[in-house]
């Protein structure tokens, strides 16, 4: 009889641990913060990067919600001006993608770096994890500009000890079949490629974020 009671007691404890953990599990709330590449320029609703990434992660059993805070034409200066109110309280992590428009406009890389630096610091100061997404200067800007612009993401990732996904348009930038007629923005198939390539990095990033409510 005592043995049966002991077994029952152990079973109750095990169940309470399992169901207690499940009860405290929380959806990971991410924000995709960026420019038109994040916003889903000229794409139908649901075909943007955050939406398709969320769907891909959920299909693999990851409890995640990804808000789309992409603004077409945004620069790092614009991003810095809206970072506080575009990323709401309760956000667990931000996928930070900005800089493409800075490069297209020839903005000094030092200014872009400073803006990104401040954004990362503000987010971390709020206890929000950051996955930094790199960009590359277009070839027409010349080698000197690229030499100043391209390394800023690695520098910032090392400075702030945040993960870096080196190039947002990896696998898409050289394939015209994956871009819109403007030759710059990804089409729906391009977004699929971007999601497929970036998903492992985002999954790893999510793994560093606590899923238990405090």
C-alpha atoms as a PDB file:
ATOM      1  CA  UNK A   1       0.000   0.000   0.000  1.00  0.00           C
ATOM      2  CA  UNK A   2       2.806   2.370   0.933  1.00  0.00           C
ATOM      3  CA  UNK A   3       4.496   1.555  -2.371  1.00  0.00           C
ATOM      4  CA  UNK A   4       1.346   2.447  -4.328  1.00  0.00           C
ATOM      5  CA  UNK A   5       1.033   5.726  -2.454  1.00  0.00           C
ATOM      6  CA  UNK A   6       4.662   6.577  -3.158  1.00  0.00           C
ATOM      7  CA  UNK A   7       4.247   5.869  -6.872  1.00  0.00           C
ATOM      8  CA  UNK A   8       1.091   7.989  -6.998  1.00  0.00           C
ATOM      9  CA  UNK A   9       2.899  10.829  -5.218  1.00  0.00           C
ATOM     10  CA  UNK A  10       5.740  10.724  -7.740  1.00  0.00           C
ATOM     11  CA  UNK A  11       3.280  10.716 -10.629  1.00  0.00           C
ATOM     12  CA  UNK A  12       1.484  13.768  -9.240  1.00  0.00           C
ATOM     13  CA  UNK A  13       4.770  15.663  -8.887  1.00  0.00           C
ATOM     14  CA  UNK A  14       5.825  14.758 -12.437  1.00  0.00           C
ATOM     15  CA  UNK A  15       2.479  15.852 -13.851  1.00  0.00           C
ATOM     16  CA  UNK A  16       2.596  19.137 -11.968  1.00  0.00           C
ATOM     17  CA  UNK A  17       6.047  19.861 -13.349  1.00  0.00           C
ATOM     18  CA  UNK A  18       5.019  19.067 -16.917  1.00  0.00           C
ATOM     19  CA  UNK A  19       1.735  20.960 -16.883  1.00  0.00           C
ATOM     20  CA  UNK A  20       3.159  23.782 -14.810  1.00  0.00           C
ATOM     21  CA  UNK A  21       5.870  24.373 -17.395  1.00  0.00           C
ATOM     22  CA  UNK A  22       3.312  24.273 -20.209  1.00  0.00           C
ATOM     23  CA  UNK A  23       1.091  26.742 -18.401  1.00  0.00           C
ATOM     24  CA  UNK A  24       3.947  29.192 -18.012  1.00  0.00           C
ATOM     25  CA  UNK A  25       5.170  28.835 -21.579  1.00  0.00           C
ATOM     26  CA  UNK A  26       4.757  32.052 -23.496  1.00  0.00           C
ATOM     27  CA  UNK A  27       4.559  32.892 -27.169  1.00  0.00           C
ATOM     28  CA  UNK A  28       7.773  34.507 -28.372  1.00  0.00           C
ATOM     29  CA  UNK A  29       6.905  37.967 -29.671  1.00  0.00           C
ATOM     30  CA  UNK A  30       9.257  39.218 -32.355  1.00  0.00           C
ATOM     31  CA  UNK A  31       9.231  42.387 -34.437  1.00  0.00           C
ATOM     32  CA  UNK A  32      10.648  42.538 -37.946  1.00  0.00           C
ATOM     33  CA  UNK A  33      11.971  46.097 -37.984  1.00  0.00           C
ATOM     34  CA  UNK A  34      13.246  47.385 -41.298  1.00  0.00           C
ATOM     35  CA  UNK A  35      12.597  48.979 -44.663  1.00  0.00           C
ATOM     36  CA  UNK A  36      10.726  47.894 -47.806  1.00  0.00           C
ATOM     37  CA  UNK A  37      12.572  44.556 -47.852  1.00  0.00           C
ATOM     38  CA  UNK A  38      10.959  43.778 -44.521  1.00  0.00           C
ATOM     39  CA  UNK A  39       7.650  45.505 -45.264  1.00  0.00           C
ATOM     40  CA  UNK A  40       6.906  43.380 -48.339  1.00  0.00           C
ATOM     41  CA  UNK A  41       6.997  46.079 -51.014  1.00  0.00           C
ATOM     42  CA  UNK A  42       4.314  45.519 -53.698  1.00  0.00           C
ATOM     43  CA  UNK A  43       3.486  42.066 -52.346  1.00  0.00           C
ATOM     44  CA  UNK A  44      -0.007  40.841 -51.403  1.00  0.00           C
ATOM     45  CA  UNK A  45      -0.934  40.722 -47.717  1.00  0.00           C
ATOM     46  CA  UNK A  46       0.669  37.725 -46.051  1.00  0.00           C
ATOM     47  CA  UNK A  47       3.534  37.446 -48.533  1.00  0.00           C
ATOM     48  CA  UNK A  48       5.963  39.665 -46.641  1.00  0.00           C
ATOM     49  CA  UNK A  49       9.036  38.276 -44.913  1.00  0.00           C
ATOM     50  CA  UNK A  50       7.757  38.444 -41.295  1.00  0.00           C
ATOM     51  CA  UNK A  51       4.481  36.764 -42.193  1.00  0.00           C
ATOM     52  CA  UNK A  52       6.087  33.937 -44.157  1.00  0.00           C
ATOM     53  CA  UNK A  53       8.808  33.441 -41.571  1.00  0.00           C
ATOM     54  CA  UNK A  54       6.182  33.172 -38.840  1.00  0.00           C
ATOM     55  CA  UNK A  55       4.269  30.592 -40.875  1.00  0.00           C
ATOM     56  CA  UNK A  56       7.419  28.561 -41.504  1.00  0.00           C
ATOM     57  CA  UNK A  57       8.377  28.554 -37.839  1.00  0.00           C
ATOM     58  CA  UNK A  58       4.869  27.674 -36.677  1.00  0.00           C
ATOM     59  CA  UNK A  59       4.821  24.784 -39.146  1.00  0.00           C
ATOM     60  CA  UNK A  60       7.813  23.423 -37.245  1.00  0.00           C
ATOM     61  CA  UNK A  61       6.085  23.792 -33.905  1.00  0.00           C
ATOM     62  CA  UNK A  62       7.660  27.072 -32.794  1.00  0.00           C
ATOM     63  CA  UNK A  63       5.217  29.239 -30.834  1.00  0.00           C
ATOM     64  CA  UNK A  64       6.088  32.628 -32.287  1.00  0.00           C
ATOM     65  CA  UNK A  65       4.387  35.825 -33.385  1.00  0.00           C
ATOM     66  CA  UNK A  66       6.257  38.168 -35.735  1.00  0.00           C
ATOM     67  CA  UNK A  67       4.944  41.698 -36.213  1.00  0.00           C
ATOM     68  CA  UNK A  68       5.810  43.520 -39.422  1.00  0.00           C
ATOM     69  CA  UNK A  69       7.342  46.914 -38.611  1.00  0.00           C
ATOM     70  CA  UNK A  70       8.872  47.495 -42.013  1.00  0.00           C
ATOM     71  CA  UNK A  71       8.533  50.940 -43.609  1.00  0.00           C
ATOM     72  CA  UNK A  72       9.304  51.386 -47.291  1.00  0.00           C
ATOM     73  CA  UNK A  73      12.047  53.932 -47.925  1.00  0.00           C
ATOM     74  CA  UNK A  74      13.191  53.922 -44.315  1.00  0.00           C
ATOM     75  CA  UNK A  75      16.804  54.739 -43.517  1.00  0.00           C
ATOM     76  CA  UNK A  76      18.670  54.144 -40.278  1.00  0.00           C
ATOM     77  CA  UNK A  77      17.865  57.749 -39.360  1.00  0.00           C
ATOM     78  CA  UNK A  78      14.154  57.086 -39.828  1.00  0.00           C
ATOM     79  CA  UNK A  79      14.429  53.826 -37.932  1.00  0.00           C
ATOM     80  CA  UNK A  80      16.102  55.526 -35.008  1.00  0.00           C
ATOM     81  CA  UNK A  81      13.310  58.125 -34.880  1.00  0.00           C
ATOM     82  CA  UNK A  82      10.617  55.442 -34.532  1.00  0.00           C
ATOM     83  CA  UNK A  83      12.388  52.568 -32.766  1.00  0.00           C
ATOM     84  CA  UNK A  84      10.871  53.328 -29.358  1.00  0.00           C
ATOM     85  CA  UNK A  85       7.218  53.415 -30.413  1.00  0.00           C
ATOM     86  CA  UNK A  86       7.409  50.884 -33.254  1.00  0.00           C
ATOM     87  CA  UNK A  87       8.631  48.171 -30.896  1.00  0.00           C
ATOM     88  CA  UNK A  88       5.969  47.774 -28.190  1.00  0.00           C
ATOM     89  CA  UNK A  89       6.470  46.668 -24.623  1.00  0.00           C
ATOM     90  CA  UNK A  90       6.230  42.905 -24.362  1.00  0.00           C
ATOM     91  CA  UNK A  91       8.457  42.352 -27.393  1.00  0.00           C
ATOM     92  CA  UNK A  92      10.969  39.562 -26.776  1.00  0.00           C
ATOM     93  CA  UNK A  93      13.203  40.129 -29.778  1.00  0.00           C
ATOM     94  CA  UNK A  94      13.748  42.328 -32.819  1.00  0.00           C
ATOM     95  CA  UNK A  95      15.023  41.318 -36.246  1.00  0.00           C
ATOM     96  CA  UNK A  96      16.785  44.577 -37.095  1.00  0.00           C
ATOM     97  CA  UNK A  97      17.193  45.133 -40.850  1.00  0.00           C
ATOM     98  CA  UNK A  98      18.137  48.617 -41.988  1.00  0.00           C
ATOM     99  CA  UNK A  99      20.819  50.267 -44.085  1.00  0.00           C
ATOM    100  CA  UNK A 100      19.951  49.405 -47.687  1.00  0.00           C
ATOM    101  CA  UNK A 101      18.450  52.845 -48.339  1.00  0.00           C
ATOM    102  CA  UNK A 102      21.380  54.524 -46.618  1.00  0.00           C
ATOM    103  CA  UNK A 103      23.700  52.874 -49.131  1.00  0.00           C
ATOM    104  CA  UNK A 104      21.461  53.666 -52.092  1.00  0.00           C
ATOM    105  CA  UNK A 105      21.459  57.332 -51.088  1.00  0.00           C
ATOM    106  CA  UNK A 106      25.171  57.450 -50.388  1.00  0.00           C
ATOM    107  CA  UNK A 107      24.714  58.342 -46.730  1.00  0.00           C
ATOM    108  CA  UNK A 108      27.993  58.278 -44.832  1.00  0.00           C
ATOM    109  CA  UNK A 109      28.488  54.748 -43.433  1.00  0.00           C
ATOM    110  CA  UNK A 110      29.673  56.306 -40.192  1.00  0.00           C
ATOM    111  CA  UNK A 111      26.223  57.845 -39.731  1.00  0.00           C
ATOM    112  CA  UNK A 112      24.494  54.550 -40.501  1.00  0.00           C
ATOM    113  CA  UNK A 113      26.718  52.774 -38.004  1.00  0.00           C
ATOM    114  CA  UNK A 114      26.005  55.353 -35.318  1.00  0.00           C
ATOM    115  CA  UNK A 115      22.235  55.066 -35.850  1.00  0.00           C
ATOM    116  CA  UNK A 116      22.275  51.276 -35.743  1.00  0.00           C
ATOM    117  CA  UNK A 117      24.518  51.380 -32.698  1.00  0.00           C
ATOM    118  CA  UNK A 118      22.011  53.563 -30.852  1.00  0.00           C
ATOM    119  CA  UNK A 119      19.057  51.400 -31.874  1.00  0.00           C
ATOM    120  CA  UNK A 120      20.699  48.225 -30.638  1.00  0.00           C
ATOM    121  CA  UNK A 121      21.648  49.891 -27.365  1.00  0.00           C
ATOM    122  CA  UNK A 122      18.091  51.153 -26.816  1.00  0.00           C
ATOM    123  CA  UNK A 123      16.554  47.760 -27.496  1.00  0.00           C
ATOM    124  CA  UNK A 124      18.984  45.949 -25.230  1.00  0.00           C
ATOM    125  CA  UNK A 125      18.373  48.584 -22.599  1.00  0.00           C
ATOM    126  CA  UNK A 126      14.702  47.556 -22.642  1.00  0.00           C
ATOM    127  CA  UNK A 127      15.641  43.901 -22.253  1.00  0.00           C
ATOM    128  CA  UNK A 128      14.810  43.106 -25.888  1.00  0.00           C
ATOM    129  CA  UNK A 129      17.056  40.671 -27.750  1.00  0.00           C
ATOM    130  CA  UNK A 130      18.383  41.728 -31.167  1.00  0.00           C
ATOM    131  CA  UNK A 131      19.167  39.741 -34.298  1.00  0.00           C
ATOM    132  CA  UNK A 132      21.101  42.117 -36.541  1.00  0.00           C
ATOM    133  CA  UNK A 133      20.639  41.681 -40.285  1.00  0.00           C
ATOM    134  CA  UNK A 134      23.418  42.865 -42.552  1.00  0.00           C
ATOM    135  CA  UNK A 135      23.280  44.578 -45.930  1.00  0.00           C
ATOM    136  CA  UNK A 136      25.857  45.219 -48.627  1.00  0.00           C
ATOM    137  CA  UNK A 137      26.520  48.397 -50.567  1.00  0.00           C
ATOM    138  CA  UNK A 138      25.439  48.281 -54.231  1.00  0.00           C
ATOM    139  CA  UNK A 139      28.333  47.988 -56.716  1.00  0.00           C
ATOM    140  CA  UNK A 140      27.631  51.394 -58.272  1.00  0.00           C
ATOM    141  CA  UNK A 141      28.663  53.063 -55.014  1.00  0.00           C
ATOM    142  CA  UNK A 142      32.255  52.065 -55.637  1.00  0.00           C
ATOM    143  CA  UNK A 143      34.847  50.093 -53.733  1.00  0.00           C
ATOM    144  CA  UNK A 144      35.762  52.824 -51.274  1.00  0.00           C
ATOM    145  CA  UNK A 145      32.187  53.222 -50.086  1.00  0.00           C
ATOM    146  CA  UNK A 146      31.689  49.456 -49.826  1.00  0.00           C
ATOM    147  CA  UNK A 147      34.868  49.125 -47.771  1.00  0.00           C
ATOM    148  CA  UNK A 148      33.426  51.585 -45.262  1.00  0.00           C
ATOM    149  CA  UNK A 149      29.823  50.368 -45.328  1.00  0.00           C
ATOM    150  CA  UNK A 150      29.923  46.571 -45.500  1.00  0.00           C
ATOM    151  CA  UNK A 151      31.892  45.912 -42.281  1.00  0.00           C
ATOM    152  CA  UNK A 152      29.673  47.983 -39.963  1.00  0.00           C
ATOM    153  CA  UNK A 153      27.299  45.100 -39.203  1.00  0.00           C
ATOM    154  CA  UNK A 154      30.038  42.737 -38.079  1.00  0.00           C
ATOM    155  CA  UNK A 155      31.546  45.501 -35.964  1.00  0.00           C
ATOM    156  CA  UNK A 156      28.235  46.230 -34.269  1.00  0.00           C
ATOM    157  CA  UNK A 157      27.463  42.544 -33.706  1.00  0.00           C
ATOM    158  CA  UNK A 158      30.800  42.115 -31.966  1.00  0.00           C
ATOM    159  CA  UNK A 159      30.457  45.325 -29.967  1.00  0.00           C
ATOM    160  CA  UNK A 160      27.006  44.488 -28.620  1.00  0.00           C
ATOM    161  CA  UNK A 161      27.423  40.699 -28.580  1.00  0.00           C
ATOM    162  CA  UNK A 162      24.331  40.122 -30.705  1.00  0.00           C
ATOM    163  CA  UNK A 163      23.869  37.487 -33.427  1.00  0.00           C
ATOM    164  CA  UNK A 164      24.361  38.589 -37.027  1.00  0.00           C
ATOM    165  CA  UNK A 165      22.731  37.314 -40.202  1.00  0.00           C
ATOM    166  CA  UNK A 166      25.286  38.657 -42.713  1.00  0.00           C
ATOM    167  CA  UNK A 167      23.144  39.480 -45.769  1.00  0.00           C
ATOM    168  CA  UNK A 168      19.352  39.712 -45.934  1.00  0.00           C
ATOM    169  CA  UNK A 169      19.159  39.197 -49.707  1.00  0.00           C
ATOM    170  CA  UNK A 170      21.388  36.127 -49.741  1.00  0.00           C
ATOM    171  CA  UNK A 171      20.327  33.845 -52.600  1.00  0.00           C
ATOM    172  CA  UNK A 172      18.112  36.483 -54.170  1.00  0.00           C
ATOM    173  CA  UNK A 173      20.194  39.501 -55.130  1.00  0.00           C
ATOM    174  CA  UNK A 174      21.752  37.903 -58.234  1.00  0.00           C
ATOM    175  CA  UNK A 175      18.657  36.028 -59.462  1.00  0.00           C
ATOM    176  CA  UNK A 176      16.269  38.170 -61.523  1.00  0.00           C
ATOM    177  CA  UNK A 177      13.566  35.484 -61.345  1.00  0.00           C
ATOM    178  CA  UNK A 178      13.329  36.096 -57.610  1.00  0.00           C
ATOM    179  CA  UNK A 179      12.874  39.858 -57.857  1.00  0.00           C
ATOM    180  CA  UNK A 180      10.208  42.305 -58.934  1.00  0.00           C
ATOM    181  CA  UNK A 181      10.487  44.186 -62.208  1.00  0.00           C
ATOM    182  CA  UNK A 182      12.386  46.954 -60.435  1.00  0.00           C
ATOM    183  CA  UNK A 183      15.300  44.551 -60.073  1.00  0.00           C
ATOM    184  CA  UNK A 184      15.710  45.428 -56.398  1.00  0.00           C
ATOM    185  CA  UNK A 185      12.922  44.006 -54.280  1.00  0.00           C
ATOM    186  CA  UNK A 186      12.160  40.288 -53.826  1.00  0.00           C
ATOM    187  CA  UNK A 187       8.981  38.824 -55.246  1.00  0.00           C
ATOM    188  CA  UNK A 188       6.984  36.167 -53.398  1.00  0.00           C
ATOM    189  CA  UNK A 189       9.356  33.403 -54.528  1.00  0.00           C
ATOM    190  CA  UNK A 190      12.279  35.532 -53.450  1.00  0.00           C
ATOM    191  CA  UNK A 191      10.766  35.908 -50.000  1.00  0.00           C
ATOM    192  CA  UNK A 192      10.445  32.124 -49.818  1.00  0.00           C
ATOM    193  CA  UNK A 193      14.165  31.779 -50.519  1.00  0.00           C
ATOM    194  CA  UNK A 194      15.028  34.404 -47.907  1.00  0.00           C
ATOM    195  CA  UNK A 195      12.866  32.658 -45.316  1.00  0.00           C
ATOM    196  CA  UNK A 196      14.388  29.272 -46.088  1.00  0.00           C
ATOM    197  CA  UNK A 197      17.929  30.594 -45.777  1.00  0.00           C
ATOM    198  CA  UNK A 198      17.346  32.689 -42.663  1.00  0.00           C
ATOM    199  CA  UNK A 199      15.073  30.354 -40.724  1.00  0.00           C
ATOM    200  CA  UNK A 200      17.907  28.412 -39.016  1.00  0.00           C
ATOM    201  CA  UNK A 201      19.448  31.667 -37.749  1.00  0.00           C
ATOM    202  CA  UNK A 202      16.090  32.867 -36.437  1.00  0.00           C
ATOM    203  CA  UNK A 203      15.407  29.505 -34.794  1.00  0.00           C
ATOM    204  CA  UNK A 204      18.764  29.711 -33.033  1.00  0.00           C
ATOM    205  CA  UNK A 205      18.002  33.301 -32.034  1.00  0.00           C
ATOM    206  CA  UNK A 206      14.648  32.274 -30.560  1.00  0.00           C
ATOM    207  CA  UNK A 207      16.416  29.566 -28.608  1.00  0.00           C
ATOM    208  CA  UNK A 208      18.317  32.238 -26.716  1.00  0.00           C
ATOM    209  CA  UNK A 209      15.089  33.950 -25.578  1.00  0.00           C
ATOM    210  CA  UNK A 210      13.333  32.738 -22.449  1.00  0.00           C
ATOM    211  CA  UNK A 211       9.888  31.270 -23.097  1.00  0.00           C
ATOM    212  CA  UNK A 212       8.780  31.237 -19.485  1.00  0.00           C
ATOM    213  CA  UNK A 213       6.670  34.055 -18.090  1.00  0.00           C
ATOM    214  CA  UNK A 214       8.097  35.750 -15.029  1.00  0.00           C
END
